[in-house]
Amino acid sequence: MEGGDFSNATFRGAQLNGAKISHCKMTGSDFTEAQTLGLSIESVLLVLAVLPRFSFRKMTLKEIDFSEADLRACDFRDAVFEDCSLRDAHIPECRFEGADLRNADLGGVKLTDARLFKGRYS
């Protein structure tokens, strides 16, 4: 998918294995129970998106805006964030071990969530 507007679309249970998503607007989209093996994602607006338990493990995330997204229990282990935003995202139970967050906007992260980032590159 490239260059489309998929705002408020439902991708519940979708098989996104090997998919490439770039330069898309996916504001408010629902990815509950989506499968993501080999997914590539770049320059995507995921503001207010619903992505519970989504796996971004070992991915390089370029220009992804997760502002105010529901990211509960997402797997960001060993992910690299390049010009991304997690501003005001809902991140309880997320895993960030080994993640490189140096180029991520973490504005609005609650102090109760700060423990998730302990020992990460941020």
C-alpha atoms as a PDB file:
ATOM      1  CA  MET A   1       0.000   0.000   0.000  1.00  0.00           C
ATOM      2  CA  GLU A   2       1.483   3.308  -0.996  1.00  0.00           C
ATOM      3  CA  GLY A   3       0.141   6.826  -0.793  1.00  0.00           C
ATOM      4  CA  GLY A   4      -3.433   6.030   0.197  1.00  0.00           C
ATOM      5  CA  ASP A   5      -5.805   7.383   2.804  1.00  0.00           C
ATOM      6  CA  PHE A   6      -7.021   4.507   4.971  1.00  0.00           C
ATOM      7  CA  SER A   7      -8.274   6.617   7.871  1.00  0.00           C
ATOM      8  CA  ASN A   8     -10.649   4.723  10.176  1.00  0.00           C
ATOM      9  CA  ALA A   9     -10.242   1.535   8.125  1.00  0.00           C
ATOM     10  CA  THR A  10     -10.569  -1.841   9.807  1.00  0.00           C
ATOM     11  CA  PHE A  11      -7.689  -4.287   9.401  1.00  0.00           C
ATOM     12  CA  ARG A  12      -8.849  -6.566  12.243  1.00  0.00           C
ATOM     13  CA  GLY A  13      -7.203  -9.968  11.893  1.00  0.00           C
ATOM     14  CA  ALA A  14      -5.554  -9.016   8.582  1.00  0.00           C
ATOM     15  CA  GLN A  15      -2.559 -11.001   7.318  1.00  0.00           C
ATOM     16  CA  LEU A  16       0.048  -8.294   6.612  1.00  0.00           C
ATOM     17  CA  ASN A  17       2.892 -10.758   6.184  1.00  0.00           C
ATOM     18  CA  GLY A  18       5.487  -9.338   3.767  1.00  0.00           C
ATOM     19  CA  ALA A  19       3.432  -6.163   3.207  1.00  0.00           C
ATOM     20  CA  LYS A  20       4.968  -2.741   2.584  1.00  0.00           C
ATOM     21  CA  ILE A  21       3.051   0.284   3.818  1.00  0.00           C
ATOM     22  CA  SER A  22       4.443   3.706   2.933  1.00  0.00           C
ATOM     23  CA  HIS A  23       3.283   7.313   2.705  1.00  0.00           C
ATOM     24  CA  CYS A  24      -0.220   6.433   3.938  1.00  0.00           C
ATOM     25  CA  LYS A  25      -2.673   8.122   6.247  1.00  0.00           C
ATOM     26  CA  MET A  26      -4.108   5.509   8.626  1.00  0.00           C
ATOM     27  CA  THR A  27      -5.482   7.782  11.325  1.00  0.00           C
ATOM     28  CA  GLY A  28      -7.877   5.893  13.588  1.00  0.00           C
ATOM     29  CA  SER A  29      -7.403   2.557  11.792  1.00  0.00           C
ATOM     30  CA  ASP A  30      -7.955  -0.669  13.740  1.00  0.00           C
ATOM     31  CA  PHE A  31      -5.264  -3.382  13.511  1.00  0.00           C
ATOM     32  CA  THR A  32      -6.517  -5.597  16.341  1.00  0.00           C
ATOM     33  CA  GLU A  33      -5.169  -9.167  15.943  1.00  0.00           C
ATOM     34  CA  ALA A  34      -3.352  -8.343  12.656  1.00  0.00           C
ATOM     35  CA  GLN A  35      -0.375 -10.575  11.728  1.00  0.00           C
ATOM     36  CA  THR A  36       2.837  -8.761  10.719  1.00  0.00           C
ATOM     37  CA  LEU A  37       5.653 -11.124   9.733  1.00  0.00           C
ATOM     38  CA  GLY A  38       8.063  -9.295   7.391  1.00  0.00           C
ATOM     39  CA  LEU A  39       6.100  -6.032   7.458  1.00  0.00           C
ATOM     40  CA  SER A  40       7.830  -2.859   6.213  1.00  0.00           C
ATOM     41  CA  ILE A  41       6.378   0.494   7.283  1.00  0.00           C
ATOM     42  CA  GLU A  42       7.583   4.035   6.482  1.00  0.00           C
ATOM     43  CA  SER A  43       6.127   7.566   6.519  1.00  0.00           C
ATOM     44  CA  VAL A  44       2.724   6.557   7.919  1.00  0.00           C
ATOM     45  CA  LEU A  45       0.274   8.512  10.082  1.00  0.00           C
ATOM     46  CA  LEU A  46      -1.075   6.123  12.727  1.00  0.00           C
ATOM     47  CA  VAL A  47      -2.515   8.864  14.934  1.00  0.00           C
ATOM     48  CA  LEU A  48      -5.276   7.422  17.158  1.00  0.00           C
ATOM     49  CA  ALA A  49      -4.818   3.992  15.537  1.00  0.00           C
ATOM     50  CA  VAL A  50      -5.643   0.821  17.471  1.00  0.00           C
ATOM     51  CA  LEU A  51      -2.666  -1.593  17.399  1.00  0.00           C
ATOM     52  CA  PRO A  52      -2.855  -3.799  20.507  1.00  0.00           C
ATOM     53  CA  ARG A  53      -0.193  -6.537  20.678  1.00  0.00           C
ATOM     54  CA  PHE A  54       1.194  -5.481  17.272  1.00  0.00           C
ATOM     55  CA  SER A  55       4.778  -6.619  16.682  1.00  0.00           C
ATOM     56  CA  PHE A  56       7.355  -4.091  15.486  1.00  0.00           C
ATOM     57  CA  ARG A  57      10.205  -6.282  16.709  1.00  0.00           C
ATOM     58  CA  LYS A  58      13.566  -5.576  15.007  1.00  0.00           C
ATOM     59  CA  MET A  59      11.937  -3.135  12.584  1.00  0.00           C
ATOM     60  CA  THR A  60      13.334   0.209  11.502  1.00  0.00           C
ATOM     61  CA  LEU A  61      10.444   2.643  11.863  1.00  0.00           C
ATOM     62  CA  LYS A  62      10.906   5.772   9.715  1.00  0.00           C
ATOM     63  CA  GLU A  63       8.631   8.797  10.080  1.00  0.00           C
ATOM     64  CA  ILE A  64       5.803   6.964  11.863  1.00  0.00           C
ATOM     65  CA  ASP A  65       3.393   9.086  13.886  1.00  0.00           C
ATOM     66  CA  PHE A  66       1.888   6.981  16.686  1.00  0.00           C
ATOM     67  CA  SER A  67       0.473  10.055  18.497  1.00  0.00           C
ATOM     68  CA  GLU A  68      -2.400   9.082  20.796  1.00  0.00           C
ATOM     69  CA  ALA A  69      -2.449   5.537  19.356  1.00  0.00           C
ATOM     70  CA  ASP A  70      -3.492   2.507  21.406  1.00  0.00           C
ATOM     71  CA  LEU A  71      -0.202   0.562  21.514  1.00  0.00           C
ATOM     72  CA  ARG A  72      -0.882  -1.548  24.601  1.00  0.00           C
ATOM     73  CA  ALA A  73       1.304  -4.653  24.784  1.00  0.00           C
ATOM     74  CA  CYS A  74       3.092  -3.892  21.487  1.00  0.00           C
ATOM     75  CA  ASP A  75       6.503  -5.435  20.912  1.00  0.00           C
ATOM     76  CA  PHE A  76       9.149  -2.831  20.032  1.00  0.00           C
ATOM     77  CA  ARG A  77      12.135  -4.954  21.078  1.00  0.00           C
ATOM     78  CA  ASP A  78      15.280  -4.055  19.099  1.00  0.00           C
ATOM     79  CA  ALA A  79      13.295  -1.587  16.945  1.00  0.00           C
ATOM     80  CA  VAL A  80      14.929   1.592  15.643  1.00  0.00           C
ATOM     81  CA  PHE A  81      12.852   4.777  15.679  1.00  0.00           C
ATOM     82  CA  GLU A  82      13.823   7.382  13.045  1.00  0.00           C
ATOM     83  CA  ASP A  83      11.845  10.635  13.281  1.00  0.00           C
ATOM     84  CA  CYS A  84       8.874   8.926  14.942  1.00  0.00           C
ATOM     85  CA  SER A  85       6.357  10.162  17.483  1.00  0.00           C
ATOM     86  CA  LEU A  86       4.944   8.299  20.462  1.00  0.00           C
ATOM     87  CA  ARG A  87       3.414  11.522  21.810  1.00  0.00           C
ATOM     88  CA  ASP A  88       0.564  10.758  24.213  1.00  0.00           C
ATOM     89  CA  ALA A  89       0.384   7.133  22.999  1.00  0.00           C
ATOM     90  CA  HIS A  90      -1.211   4.503  25.243  1.00  0.00           C
ATOM     91  CA  ILE A  91       1.764   2.179  25.945  1.00  0.00           C
ATOM     92  CA  PRO A  92       1.105  -0.053  28.980  1.00  0.00           C
ATOM     93  CA  GLU A  93       2.764  -3.483  28.806  1.00  0.00           C
ATOM     94  CA  CYS A  94       4.829  -2.526  25.730  1.00  0.00           C
ATOM     95  CA  ARG A  95       8.277  -4.089  25.367  1.00  0.00           C
ATOM     96  CA  PHE A  96      11.161  -1.792  24.444  1.00  0.00           C
ATOM     97  CA  GLU A  97      14.207  -3.925  25.333  1.00  0.00           C
ATOM     98  CA  GLY A  98      17.073  -2.961  23.007  1.00  0.00           C
ATOM     99  CA  ALA A  99      14.994  -0.326  21.181  1.00  0.00           C
ATOM    100  CA  ASP A 100      16.763   2.781  19.862  1.00  0.00           C
ATOM    101  CA  LEU A 101      14.482   5.679  20.805  1.00  0.00           C
ATOM    102  CA  ARG A 102      17.002   8.484  20.276  1.00  0.00           C
ATOM    103  CA  ASN A 103      14.994   9.958  17.381  1.00  0.00           C
ATOM    104  CA  ALA A 104      11.533   9.483  18.873  1.00  0.00           C
ATOM    105  CA  ASP A 105       9.228  12.125  20.315  1.00  0.00           C
ATOM    106  CA  LEU A 106       8.251  10.781  23.751  1.00  0.00           C
ATOM    107  CA  GLY A 107       6.248  13.850  24.771  1.00  0.00           C
ATOM    108  CA  GLY A 108       3.387  13.094  27.090  1.00  0.00           C
ATOM    109  CA  VAL A 109       4.837   9.814  28.381  1.00  0.00           C
ATOM    110  CA  LYS A 110       3.419   9.328  31.855  1.00  0.00           C
ATOM    111  CA  LEU A 111       5.824   8.767  34.730  1.00  0.00           C
ATOM    112  CA  THR A 112       4.106   5.451  35.412  1.00  0.00           C
ATOM    113  CA  ASP A 113       5.170   4.334  31.911  1.00  0.00           C
ATOM    114  CA  ALA A 114       8.753   5.623  32.255  1.00  0.00           C
ATOM    115  CA  ARG A 115       9.886   2.248  33.654  1.00  0.00           C
ATOM    116  CA  LEU A 116       9.229   0.721  30.223  1.00  0.00           C
ATOM    117  CA  PHE A 117      12.125   2.777  28.836  1.00  0.00           C
ATOM    118  CA  LYS A 118      14.699   1.989  31.526  1.00  0.00           C
ATOM    119  CA  GLY A 119      18.030   1.121  29.931  1.00  0.00           C
ATOM    120  CA  ARG A 120      16.885   1.927  26.362  1.00  0.00           C
ATOM    121  CA  TYR A 121      18.628   4.241  23.952  1.00  0.00           C
ATOM    122  CA  SER A 122      16.592   7.377  24.453  1.00  0.00           C
END
